[in-house]
């Protein structure tokens, strides 16, 4: 059975059990404490805490997830940075008995997988959290005897971010492959790592589609399944090496390339900060590894086409953003090639000078800061020469650098949570000004808002003149001076669309949305109307002066604006 057929079967199975099937949310989470969506439950955190879920108490998804916690393991049989997570979720509805019973029914009754070699794990008890006797007894009642007690490290999940819902887990393991994790959210962990019971219990399950496909298709690794097979074949055809000679390198290339495609499609572009730098890291690992297996020039074009062919039926955004994806890969390739030789020469000189086979944290950090050379690449090149890198000291140097930068930012901008609502509102004004000056074919591609600044990415076919940029900035400042009212209304998504509210990510919106209208109270004239989760100011006079700091082209028809209010 093909991978996406398995996904369809899973979603249909839970749809028949009264779950609302939702499309995948973005890889950019609403939670400001997380860079990426790392788990299927992340978009639903608030609903475990008692907030009513607009889709009901039962939902199921195939969620795009990205995490770098396992990046050093990528290249083995089962680990990935980007993965597709099947999940069913209950917010104060069903609990352990139903979740475990349905997991058993889906895997062993519907898919007819063999129980031979299968074991289940449960939380064995630790400190203030007792042994999960209930889950163990449910499994026994279903005919499972191979039940293993595990520690908190293995069978207690969460939270995502600095705080949030979490709980004991039970996991289904085929041989040595962890396939399905059932999390029973009963606790809330605060920033001090203290636990208290939630007012309602919830279920959050996660099963990697890639691992499930590997088990069903009886393949030796996830990379031999139909989710990766054609991508790997394309890479091998473009190289001077074979898969048998370098399986780890081809697997890393396939994983990182697929991850890059999905990150770019969600509006992330390579840069030097936060999630932008993570994307840059994985792309640059690809360009470093291309030398090891002798890949041809622009090898990624063919491999990207295979990713789009396989995944676009379920994720159409990667097809619609294909132009930007190709451009971003090509631009980053060209940028890195200019510094790669310098970085490698720097390392070679270090190797020659060293009496001990150790690269210090400071030296690794200098490589990162001067050449954009990720730590993982420094480690890999060093390992080839028999050297080790002081990884912990690299992170100490990085932390010192970030603290210095943060102090500089605080001194420059003053800080304070109020700046974030200001930049949200300024982003809406900017969006409307772009559409008024450049035309209605301006289409938002993504945004990123912090205390210090806003970043807005949009699609526009054509060139943008300096005088047009000045007109955009002036128009925003004119609207700020007009003391426009910012009004928030909650309404069904359909009604919001019919009212003319801008919405370019409608597949991500719940059925009830917040609409922010910015209008002149004297004339009633509306300048901006958008669906948004906020937060915002109440009147544009609170914003101060709007200043565009950078206006640049990021790819074919893709533009980026960086701005702030002062």
Protein backbone atom coordinates (compact mmCIF):
# COMPACT_ATOMS: atom_id res chain seq x y z
CA UNK A 1 0.00 0.00 0.00
CA UNK A 2 1.39 3.42 -1.00
CA UNK A 3 2.26 5.97 1.65
CA UNK A 4 -0.48 8.48 0.91
CA UNK A 5 -3.07 5.70 0.62
CA UNK A 6 -2.14 4.83 4.21
CA UNK A 7 -2.67 8.47 5.18
CA UNK A 8 -6.08 8.49 3.51
CA UNK A 9 -7.03 5.27 5.30
CA UNK A 10 -5.99 6.72 8.66
CA UNK A 11 -7.98 9.93 8.18
CA UNK A 12 -11.03 8.05 6.91
CA UNK A 13 -10.80 5.65 9.89
CA UNK A 14 -11.04 8.54 12.33
CA UNK A 15 -13.58 10.47 10.26
CA UNK A 16 -15.90 7.48 10.74
CA UNK A 17 -15.31 7.91 14.47
CA UNK A 18 -16.61 11.50 14.45
CA UNK A 19 -13.29 13.31 13.99
CA UNK A 20 -13.15 16.50 11.93
CA UNK A 21 -10.40 16.07 9.32
CA UNK A 22 -8.30 19.23 9.01
CA UNK A 23 -5.57 20.15 6.50
CA UNK A 24 -2.01 20.56 7.74
CA UNK A 25 -1.19 23.79 9.53
CA UNK A 26 1.87 25.85 8.60
CA UNK A 27 5.40 24.93 9.65
CA UNK A 28 5.49 28.41 11.21
CA UNK A 29 3.63 28.06 14.54
CA UNK A 30 1.54 30.65 16.37
CA UNK A 31 3.51 29.84 19.54
CA UNK A 32 6.29 32.49 19.77
CA UNK A 33 8.41 30.17 21.95
CA UNK A 34 8.81 27.67 19.05
CA UNK A 35 10.56 28.27 15.75
CA UNK A 36 8.71 25.49 13.94
CA UNK A 37 5.69 23.23 14.17
CA UNK A 38 7.37 20.14 15.62
CA UNK A 39 4.34 17.99 16.44
CA UNK A 40 0.80 17.38 15.29
CA UNK A 41 -0.69 18.69 18.54
CA UNK A 42 1.11 22.03 18.47
CA UNK A 43 -1.62 23.99 16.63
CA UNK A 44 -4.13 22.71 19.21
CA UNK A 45 -2.33 23.59 22.49
CA UNK A 46 -5.00 26.08 23.59
CA UNK A 47 -7.81 23.51 23.26
CA UNK A 48 -6.19 21.20 25.82
CA UNK A 49 -6.36 24.11 28.25
CA UNK A 50 -10.12 24.55 27.97
CA UNK A 51 -10.49 26.99 25.07
CA UNK A 52 -13.41 25.73 22.89
CA UNK A 53 -12.15 24.17 19.67
CA UNK A 54 -13.97 25.62 16.61
CA UNK A 55 -13.88 22.19 14.91
CA UNK A 56 -15.32 20.26 17.84
CA UNK A 57 -13.77 17.99 20.46
CA UNK A 58 -12.33 15.44 18.01
CA UNK A 59 -9.98 16.21 15.12
CA UNK A 60 -7.46 14.31 13.00
CA UNK A 61 -4.68 15.57 10.72
CA UNK A 62 -1.70 14.74 8.57
CA UNK A 63 0.57 17.51 9.87
CA UNK A 64 3.80 18.82 8.39
CA UNK A 65 6.48 18.84 11.12
CA UNK A 66 10.07 20.04 11.21
CA UNK A 67 12.60 19.45 13.97
CA UNK A 68 16.39 19.54 14.20
CA UNK A 69 16.70 17.62 17.49
CA UNK A 70 17.44 14.47 15.45
CA UNK A 71 19.57 16.09 12.74
CA UNK A 72 22.71 14.16 13.71
CA UNK A 73 20.78 10.88 13.35
CA UNK A 74 19.45 11.68 9.87
CA UNK A 75 20.94 9.19 7.46
CA UNK A 76 20.09 6.10 9.50
CA UNK A 77 17.01 3.94 8.83
CA UNK A 78 14.32 6.07 10.46
CA UNK A 79 15.30 9.64 11.38
CA UNK A 80 14.26 12.82 9.57
CA UNK A 81 14.21 16.60 10.04
CA UNK A 82 10.95 17.05 8.07
CA UNK A 83 8.25 14.47 8.69
CA UNK A 84 4.54 13.93 8.17
CA UNK A 85 2.69 13.20 11.39
CA UNK A 86 -0.62 11.37 11.45
CA UNK A 87 -2.59 12.22 14.57
CA UNK A 88 -5.98 11.99 16.25
CA UNK A 89 -6.84 14.43 19.03
CA UNK A 90 -9.42 14.68 21.79
CA UNK A 91 -10.07 17.84 23.79
CA UNK A 92 -11.94 16.79 26.93
CA UNK A 93 -13.75 13.97 25.11
CA UNK A 94 -12.50 10.36 24.86
CA UNK A 95 -9.41 9.21 26.73
CA UNK A 96 -7.17 6.16 27.15
CA UNK A 97 -9.54 3.28 26.45
CA UNK A 98 -10.80 4.63 23.12
CA UNK A 99 -7.37 5.89 21.97
CA UNK A 100 -5.60 2.58 22.66
CA UNK A 101 -8.46 0.46 21.27
CA UNK A 102 -8.61 2.48 18.03
CA UNK A 103 -4.82 2.30 17.62
CA UNK A 104 -5.02 -1.49 17.93
CA UNK A 105 -7.97 -1.66 15.48
CA UNK A 106 -6.29 0.54 12.85
CA UNK A 107 -2.91 -1.20 12.84
CA UNK A 108 -3.85 -4.81 13.43
CA UNK A 109 -7.46 -5.13 12.23
CA UNK A 110 -7.69 -2.64 9.35
CA UNK A 111 -4.08 -2.79 8.08
CA UNK A 112 -3.74 -6.42 9.22
CA UNK A 113 -0.17 -5.95 10.45
CA UNK A 114 1.38 -8.85 12.33
CA UNK A 115 1.71 -8.58 16.12
CA UNK A 116 4.87 -10.67 15.98
CA UNK A 117 7.78 -8.69 17.41
CA UNK A 118 5.50 -5.86 18.51
CA UNK A 119 5.81 -4.44 22.01
CA UNK A 120 4.07 -1.57 23.76
CA UNK A 121 5.59 0.71 26.37
CA UNK A 122 3.93 2.57 29.22
CA UNK A 123 5.13 5.10 31.79
CA UNK A 124 6.65 3.23 34.72
CA UNK A 125 6.23 5.90 37.38
CA UNK A 126 8.58 8.57 38.68
CA UNK A 127 8.49 11.25 41.37
CA UNK A 128 5.08 12.95 41.37
CA UNK A 129 3.77 11.03 38.32
CA UNK A 130 2.62 7.45 39.06
CA UNK A 131 2.89 4.29 36.95
CA UNK A 132 0.30 4.26 34.13
CA UNK A 133 -1.44 1.12 35.32
CA UNK A 134 -4.63 1.92 33.39
CA UNK A 135 -2.91 1.89 29.97
CA UNK A 136 -1.11 -1.36 30.78
CA UNK A 137 -4.38 -3.03 31.74
CA UNK A 138 -6.14 -1.81 28.58
CA UNK A 139 -3.36 -3.32 26.44
CA UNK A 140 -3.61 -6.61 28.34
CA UNK A 141 -7.37 -6.70 27.78
CA UNK A 142 -6.70 -6.36 24.04
CA UNK A 143 -4.40 -9.39 24.03
CA UNK A 144 -0.99 -7.73 24.34
CA UNK A 145 1.47 -9.30 26.78
CA UNK A 146 4.76 -7.70 25.70
CA UNK A 147 4.32 -4.52 27.77
CA UNK A 148 7.39 -2.66 29.01
CA UNK A 149 7.59 0.04 31.70
CA UNK A 150 9.71 3.02 30.68
CA UNK A 151 11.14 6.17 32.28
CA UNK A 152 10.05 9.77 31.96
CA UNK A 153 12.62 10.29 29.21
CA UNK A 154 10.91 7.67 27.05
CA UNK A 155 7.24 7.77 28.01
CA UNK A 156 6.36 11.28 29.10
CA UNK A 157 5.78 13.80 26.34
CA UNK A 158 5.82 17.57 26.18
CA UNK A 159 5.35 20.34 26.42
CA UNK A 160 6.12 21.99 23.09
CA UNK A 161 7.74 25.35 23.78
CA UNK A 162 8.59 26.65 27.26
CA UNK A 163 5.34 25.54 28.89
CA UNK A 164 2.06 23.82 28.11
CA UNK A 165 0.04 20.59 28.27
CA UNK A 166 1.92 17.31 28.64
CA UNK A 167 1.43 13.80 29.92
CA UNK A 168 2.26 10.11 30.16
CA UNK A 169 2.47 8.16 26.91
CA UNK A 170 2.10 4.66 25.59
CA UNK A 171 4.04 3.73 22.48
CA UNK A 172 3.70 0.99 19.86
CA UNK A 173 7.04 -0.40 18.68
CA UNK A 174 7.61 -2.75 15.73
CA UNK A 175 10.94 -4.49 16.37
CA UNK A 176 13.15 -1.49 17.19
CA UNK A 177 11.06 1.09 15.31
CA UNK A 178 8.86 3.43 17.33
CA UNK A 179 5.77 3.95 15.18
CA UNK A 180 2.82 5.38 17.14
CA UNK A 181 2.95 7.46 20.32
CA UNK A 182 -0.28 7.99 22.27
CA UNK A 183 -0.02 10.96 24.64
CA UNK A 184 -2.51 11.43 27.45
CA UNK A 185 -2.45 15.09 28.37
CA UNK A 186 -3.36 15.31 32.05
CA UNK A 187 -0.77 17.85 33.23
CA UNK A 188 0.38 21.40 32.59
CA UNK A 189 4.11 22.13 32.94
CA UNK A 190 5.03 25.75 33.66
CA UNK A 191 8.29 27.54 32.89
CA UNK A 192 9.74 26.38 36.21
CA UNK A 193 9.12 22.74 35.14
CA UNK A 194 6.43 22.29 37.78
CA UNK A 195 3.42 20.09 36.98
CA UNK A 196 -0.23 20.56 37.90
CA UNK A 197 -3.32 18.68 36.74
CA UNK A 198 -5.34 20.06 33.84
CA UNK A 199 -9.03 20.76 34.33
CA UNK A 200 -9.83 18.49 31.36
CA UNK A 201 -8.07 15.43 29.98
CA UNK A 202 -6.97 15.18 26.36
CA UNK A 203 -5.52 12.76 23.84
CA UNK A 204 -2.76 13.61 21.39
CA UNK A 205 -1.39 10.85 19.19
CA UNK A 206 1.42 11.00 16.68
CA UNK A 207 2.44 8.42 14.09
CA UNK A 208 5.09 9.19 11.49
CA UNK A 209 3.71 8.40 8.04
CA UNK A 210 7.21 7.56 6.82
CA UNK A 211 7.76 4.94 9.55
CA UNK A 212 4.30 3.44 9.14
CA UNK A 213 4.91 3.16 5.38
CA UNK A 214 8.24 1.44 6.01
CA UNK A 215 6.56 -1.16 8.25
CA UNK A 216 3.62 -1.76 5.88
CA UNK A 217 5.83 -1.96 2.77
CA UNK A 218 8.38 -4.12 4.66
CA UNK A 219 11.31 -1.95 3.62
CA UNK A 220 14.71 -1.84 5.39
CA UNK A 221 14.48 1.95 5.84
CA UNK A 222 12.07 4.82 5.29
CA UNK A 223 14.19 5.89 2.30
CA UNK A 224 13.29 2.75 0.34
CA UNK A 225 9.55 3.48 0.54
CA UNK A 226 7.56 5.14 -2.25
CA UNK A 227 7.76 8.41 -0.26
CA UNK A 228 11.50 8.64 -1.05
CA UNK A 229 12.41 6.03 -3.67
CA UNK A 230 12.13 8.23 -6.78
CA UNK A 231 13.89 11.15 -5.08
CA UNK A 232 16.84 8.91 -4.17
CA UNK A 233 16.94 7.44 -7.69
CA UNK A 234 17.05 10.94 -9.18
CA UNK A 235 19.92 11.92 -6.89
CA UNK A 236 21.87 8.78 -7.78
CA UNK A 237 21.37 9.42 -11.52
CA UNK A 238 22.84 12.92 -11.04
CA UNK A 239 25.90 11.69 -9.12
CA UNK A 240 29.18 9.89 -9.67
CA UNK A 241 28.48 7.53 -6.79
CA UNK A 242 26.05 4.70 -6.07
CA UNK A 243 23.52 4.39 -3.26
CA UNK A 244 25.34 1.34 -1.89
CA UNK A 245 28.60 3.29 -1.66
CA UNK A 246 27.10 6.29 0.17
CA UNK A 247 23.63 5.50 1.57
CA UNK A 248 23.95 7.98 4.45
CA UNK A 249 24.82 10.91 2.17
CA UNK A 250 21.96 10.22 -0.25
CA UNK A 251 19.51 9.87 2.64
CA UNK A 252 20.63 13.20 4.16
CA UNK A 253 20.34 14.87 0.76
CA UNK A 254 16.83 13.49 0.23
CA UNK A 255 15.68 14.52 3.71
CA UNK A 256 17.17 18.02 3.65
CA UNK A 257 16.00 18.71 0.10
CA UNK A 258 12.43 17.65 0.95
CA UNK A 259 12.54 19.76 4.14
CA UNK A 260 13.79 22.77 2.19
CA UNK A 261 10.96 22.47 -0.33
CA UNK A 262 8.30 22.52 2.40
CA UNK A 263 9.94 25.28 4.48
CA UNK A 264 10.21 27.58 1.45
CA UNK A 265 6.62 26.80 0.43
CA UNK A 266 5.53 28.03 3.88
CA UNK A 267 7.24 31.38 3.36
CA UNK A 268 10.63 30.79 5.02
CA UNK A 269 13.72 32.01 3.17
CA UNK A 270 17.42 31.51 4.02
CA UNK A 271 18.91 34.09 6.36
CA UNK A 272 21.08 34.54 9.43
CA UNK A 273 18.47 34.54 12.19
CA UNK A 274 16.29 31.90 13.81
CA UNK A 275 14.20 29.75 11.44
CA UNK A 276 15.75 31.43 8.40
CA UNK A 277 19.18 30.28 9.55
CA UNK A 278 17.93 26.74 10.17
CA UNK A 279 16.81 26.59 6.53
CA UNK A 280 20.17 27.97 5.43
CA UNK A 281 21.92 25.27 7.50
CA UNK A 282 20.10 22.37 5.87
CA UNK A 283 20.51 23.77 2.35
CA UNK A 284 24.22 24.34 2.90
CA UNK A 285 24.62 20.80 4.19
CA UNK A 286 23.17 19.67 0.85
CA UNK A 287 25.66 21.77 -1.12
CA UNK A 288 28.55 20.46 0.97
CA UNK A 289 27.45 16.82 0.52
CA UNK A 290 27.05 17.23 -3.24
CA UNK A 291 30.85 17.26 -3.46
CA UNK A 292 31.15 13.95 -1.62
CA UNK A 293 29.01 12.02 -4.14
CA UNK A 294 29.93 14.14 -7.18
CA UNK A 295 26.52 15.57 -8.02
CA UNK A 296 26.15 17.43 -11.30
CA UNK A 297 25.58 21.18 -11.48
CA UNK A 298 22.05 22.23 -10.45
CA UNK A 299 21.32 18.62 -9.44
CA UNK A 300 18.54 19.79 -7.13
CA UNK A 301 16.24 20.85 -9.98
CA UNK A 302 15.41 17.27 -10.90
CA UNK A 303 15.15 16.12 -7.28
CA UNK A 304 12.81 19.01 -6.39
CA UNK A 305 10.56 18.04 -9.30
CA UNK A 306 10.32 14.52 -7.85
CA UNK A 307 9.38 15.92 -4.41
CA UNK A 308 6.65 18.06 -6.00
CA UNK A 309 5.36 15.12 -8.06
CA UNK A 310 5.10 12.86 -5.00
CA UNK A 311 3.78 15.32 -2.42
CA UNK A 312 1.76 17.99 -4.26
CA UNK A 313 -1.44 15.88 -4.49
CA UNK A 314 -1.67 16.13 -0.68
CA UNK A 315 0.14 19.47 -0.32
CA UNK A 316 -0.72 21.64 -3.35
CA UNK A 317 1.18 24.63 -1.93
CA UNK A 318 4.52 23.13 -3.03
CA UNK A 319 3.28 23.06 -6.63
CA UNK A 320 1.97 26.64 -6.51
CA UNK A 321 5.25 27.83 -4.92
CA UNK A 322 7.53 25.79 -7.19
CA UNK A 323 8.92 28.88 -8.91
CA UNK A 324 10.06 30.37 -5.60
CA UNK A 325 11.42 27.01 -4.40
CA UNK A 326 13.68 26.58 -7.46
CA UNK A 327 14.86 30.20 -7.19
CA UNK A 328 15.69 30.00 -3.48
CA UNK A 329 17.73 26.80 -3.94
CA UNK A 330 19.61 28.32 -6.87
CA UNK A 331 20.34 31.61 -5.07
CA UNK A 332 21.54 29.88 -1.90
CA UNK A 333 23.69 27.51 -3.96
CA UNK A 334 25.42 30.44 -5.66
CA UNK A 335 25.93 32.32 -2.36
CA UNK A 336 27.39 29.33 -0.55
CA UNK A 337 29.70 28.32 -3.39
CA UNK A 338 31.40 31.72 -3.05
CA UNK A 339 32.30 31.10 0.59
CA UNK A 340 32.63 27.31 0.69
CA UNK A 341 36.15 27.18 -0.73
CA UNK A 342 37.28 29.93 1.67
CA UNK A 343 35.77 28.10 4.64
CA UNK A 344 37.37 24.79 3.65
CA UNK A 345 40.74 26.53 3.17
CA UNK A 346 40.38 28.10 6.63
CA UNK A 347 39.80 24.61 8.08
CA UNK A 348 42.69 23.06 6.16
CA UNK A 349 45.05 25.70 7.58
CA UNK A 350 43.72 24.99 11.07
CA UNK A 351 44.34 21.27 10.64
CA UNK A 352 47.95 21.92 9.61
CA UNK A 353 48.65 24.16 12.62
CA UNK A 354 47.17 21.88 15.26
CA UNK A 355 49.23 19.70 17.56
CA UNK A 356 46.10 18.24 19.13
CA UNK A 357 43.22 17.08 16.94
CA UNK A 358 40.72 19.51 18.45
CA UNK A 359 38.88 22.45 16.85
CA UNK A 360 37.97 24.90 19.60
CA UNK A 361 34.49 26.32 20.07
CA UNK A 362 35.85 29.77 19.25
CA UNK A 363 37.36 28.55 15.96
CA UNK A 364 34.12 26.78 14.99
CA UNK A 365 32.18 29.94 15.84
CA UNK A 366 34.53 32.08 13.73
CA UNK A 367 33.79 29.78 10.78
CA UNK A 368 30.08 30.18 11.40
CA UNK A 369 30.22 33.96 11.78
CA UNK A 370 32.66 34.69 8.95
CA UNK A 371 31.56 32.17 6.31
CA UNK A 372 28.06 31.07 7.34
CA UNK A 373 29.52 27.58 7.83
CA UNK A 374 27.12 25.57 10.04
CA UNK A 375 28.51 23.68 13.05
CA UNK A 376 27.37 20.35 11.57
CA UNK A 377 29.53 20.94 8.48
CA UNK A 378 32.55 21.87 10.59
CA UNK A 379 32.06 18.65 12.58
CA UNK A 380 31.73 16.54 9.43
CA UNK A 381 34.84 17.99 7.75
CA UNK A 382 36.80 17.70 11.01
CA UNK A 383 35.72 14.08 11.49
CA UNK A 384 36.99 13.21 8.01
CA UNK A 385 40.43 14.42 9.14
CA UNK A 386 40.26 12.73 12.53
CA UNK A 387 39.53 15.93 14.48
CA UNK A 388 36.82 16.64 17.03
CA UNK A 389 35.00 19.94 17.57
CA UNK A 390 34.27 21.45 21.00
CA UNK A 391 30.53 21.53 20.41
CA UNK A 392 29.51 22.77 23.88
CA UNK A 393 32.02 25.64 23.71
CA UNK A 394 30.71 26.59 20.26
CA UNK A 395 27.25 27.04 21.81
CA UNK A 396 28.79 29.08 24.66
CA UNK A 397 30.31 31.42 22.05
CA UNK A 398 27.00 31.55 20.19
CA UNK A 399 25.10 32.36 23.39
CA UNK A 400 27.55 35.15 24.27
CA UNK A 401 27.14 36.59 20.78
CA UNK A 402 23.34 36.42 21.01
CA UNK A 403 23.32 38.09 24.43
CA UNK A 404 25.47 40.94 23.13
CA UNK A 405 23.17 41.30 20.11
CA UNK A 406 20.08 41.20 22.34
CA UNK A 407 21.45 43.91 24.63
CA UNK A 408 22.16 46.00 21.57
CA UNK A 409 18.61 45.49 20.31
CA UNK A 410 17.11 46.35 23.70
CA UNK A 411 19.19 49.50 23.88
CA UNK A 412 18.16 50.42 20.35
CA UNK A 413 14.45 49.61 20.52
CA UNK A 414 13.56 49.64 24.22
CA UNK A 415 11.66 46.34 24.27
CA UNK A 416 8.19 45.87 25.71
CA UNK A 417 5.38 43.60 24.55
CA UNK A 418 3.39 46.56 23.25
CA UNK A 419 5.66 46.76 20.21
CA UNK A 420 4.34 43.46 18.91
CA UNK A 421 0.70 44.75 18.55
CA UNK A 422 2.13 47.86 16.90
CA UNK A 423 4.02 45.80 14.33
CA UNK A 424 0.98 43.58 13.67
CA UNK A 425 -1.12 46.65 12.88
CA UNK A 426 1.68 48.23 10.84
CA UNK A 427 1.87 45.02 8.78
CA UNK A 428 -1.81 45.39 7.83
CA UNK A 429 -1.25 49.01 6.83
CA UNK A 430 1.80 48.02 4.80
CA UNK A 431 -0.12 45.25 3.03
CA UNK A 432 -2.90 47.65 1.98
CA UNK A 433 -0.39 50.31 0.92
CA UNK A 434 1.43 47.77 -1.28
CA UNK A 435 -1.85 46.82 -2.96
CA UNK A 436 -2.83 50.46 -3.47
CA UNK A 437 0.52 51.57 -4.93
CA UNK A 438 1.55 48.42 -6.85
CA UNK A 439 -1.86 46.93 -7.68
CA UNK A 440 -4.24 44.26 -6.46
CA UNK A 441 -2.13 41.38 -7.79
CA UNK A 442 0.15 41.80 -4.74
CA UNK A 443 -0.21 38.54 -2.84
CA UNK A 444 1.04 37.93 0.68
CA UNK A 445 3.50 35.02 0.92
CA UNK A 446 4.37 35.20 4.60
CA UNK A 447 5.27 37.48 7.48
CA UNK A 448 7.31 37.45 10.67
CA UNK A 449 6.66 39.92 13.48
CA UNK A 450 8.87 40.52 16.52
CA UNK A 451 9.22 43.19 19.19
CA UNK A 452 11.93 44.88 17.11
CA UNK A 453 10.60 44.81 13.56
CA UNK A 454 8.26 43.33 10.99
CA UNK A 455 9.05 41.34 7.90
CA UNK A 456 6.57 40.96 5.05
CA UNK A 457 7.01 38.73 1.99
CA UNK A 458 4.81 39.12 -1.04
CA UNK A 459 4.48 38.05 -4.66
CA UNK A 460 4.55 40.71 -7.36
CA UNK A 461 5.43 40.26 -11.03
CA UNK A 462 7.35 43.30 -12.13
CA UNK A 463 10.03 45.67 -10.93
CA UNK A 464 9.52 48.09 -8.05
CA UNK A 465 11.00 51.59 -8.32
CA UNK A 466 12.55 53.61 -5.48
CA UNK A 467 9.87 56.25 -5.79
CA UNK A 468 7.20 53.55 -5.38
CA UNK A 469 8.84 52.37 -2.16
CA UNK A 470 8.78 55.95 -0.88
CA UNK A 471 5.09 56.26 -1.83
CA UNK A 472 4.32 53.06 0.11
CA UNK A 473 6.10 54.34 3.23
CA UNK A 474 4.42 57.75 2.95
CA UNK A 475 0.97 56.21 2.52
CA UNK A 476 1.37 54.12 5.69
CA UNK A 477 2.47 57.19 7.66
CA UNK A 478 -0.43 59.20 6.23
CA UNK A 479 -2.90 56.58 7.48
CA UNK A 480 -1.21 56.52 10.90
CA UNK A 481 -1.72 60.31 11.17
CA UNK A 482 -5.40 59.99 10.21
CA UNK A 483 -6.06 58.25 13.57
CA UNK A 484 -7.81 55.29 12.00
CA UNK A 485 -9.81 52.94 14.23
CA UNK A 486 -8.79 49.26 14.45
CA UNK A 487 -11.93 47.16 15.00
CA UNK A 488 -11.94 43.44 15.79
CA UNK A 489 -14.90 41.17 14.92
CA UNK A 490 -15.28 37.40 15.21
CA UNK A 491 -17.31 35.68 12.51
CA UNK A 492 -17.54 32.44 10.49
CA UNK A 493 -14.80 32.11 7.87
CA UNK A 494 -17.37 32.06 5.06
CA UNK A 495 -18.91 35.33 6.23
CA UNK A 496 -15.46 36.90 6.58
CA UNK A 497 -14.61 35.98 2.99
CA UNK A 498 -17.93 37.32 1.74
CA UNK A 499 -17.31 40.61 3.59
CA UNK A 500 -14.16 41.20 1.54
CA UNK A 501 -11.58 40.42 4.25
CA UNK A 502 -8.21 39.50 2.76
CA UNK A 503 -7.24 35.87 3.37
CA UNK A 504 -4.36 34.26 1.53
CA UNK A 505 -3.96 31.22 3.78
CA UNK A 506 -7.57 30.10 4.00
CA UNK A 507 -6.61 26.41 4.27
CA UNK A 508 -5.04 27.23 7.67
CA UNK A 509 -7.98 29.13 9.16
CA UNK A 510 -10.49 27.73 11.66
CA UNK A 511 -14.21 27.92 10.93
CA UNK A 512 -14.55 31.03 13.17
CA UNK A 513 -11.97 33.78 12.59
CA UNK A 514 -11.01 37.24 13.83
CA UNK A 515 -11.36 40.05 11.27
CA UNK A 516 -9.52 43.34 11.83
CA UNK A 517 -10.91 46.37 10.00
CA UNK A 518 -8.91 49.61 9.93
CA UNK A 519 -11.16 52.53 8.97
CA UNK A 520 -11.61 56.30 9.19
CA UNK A 521 -14.24 57.02 11.89
CA UNK A 522 -15.19 60.34 10.26
CA UNK A 523 -15.82 59.08 6.72
CA UNK A 524 -16.31 55.35 7.35
CA UNK A 525 -13.74 54.63 4.61
CA UNK A 526 -12.04 51.25 5.10
CA UNK A 527 -8.30 51.14 4.41
CA UNK A 528 -7.59 47.55 5.50
CA UNK A 529 -9.66 44.46 6.28
CA UNK A 530 -7.91 41.18 7.01
CA UNK A 531 -8.33 37.88 8.78
CA UNK A 532 -5.71 37.76 11.53
CA UNK A 533 -5.04 36.25 14.97
CA UNK A 534 -3.68 39.60 16.27
CA UNK A 535 -2.72 41.24 18.60
CA UNK A 536 -3.33 44.85 17.48
CA UNK A 537 -3.54 48.41 18.77
CA UNK A 538 -6.92 50.18 18.91
CA UNK A 539 -5.99 53.30 16.96
CA UNK A 540 -3.24 53.96 14.41
CA UNK A 541 -2.15 57.08 16.32
CA UNK A 542 -0.47 54.66 18.77
CA UNK A 543 2.04 53.55 16.13
CA UNK A 544 4.42 56.50 15.81
CA UNK A 545 6.44 56.66 12.58
CA UNK A 546 6.63 53.79 10.09
CA UNK A 547 10.07 53.27 8.52
CA UNK A 548 11.02 50.83 5.72
CA UNK A 549 14.53 49.59 6.47
CA UNK A 550 15.02 47.20 3.56
CA UNK A 551 13.15 46.36 0.37
CA UNK A 552 14.64 43.48 -1.62
CA UNK A 553 13.88 40.87 -4.22
CA UNK A 554 14.20 37.33 -2.80
CA UNK A 555 13.44 35.24 -5.87
CA UNK A 556 11.38 35.10 -9.04
CA UNK A 557 8.55 37.57 -8.33
CA UNK A 558 9.13 37.34 -4.56
CA UNK A 559 9.82 40.52 -2.58
CA UNK A 560 10.63 41.12 1.08
CA UNK A 561 10.07 44.26 3.15
CA UNK A 562 11.69 44.84 6.52
CA UNK A 563 10.28 47.73 8.51
CA UNK A 564 9.60 49.00 12.02
CA UNK A 565 7.65 51.64 13.91
CA UNK A 566 9.62 54.18 15.95
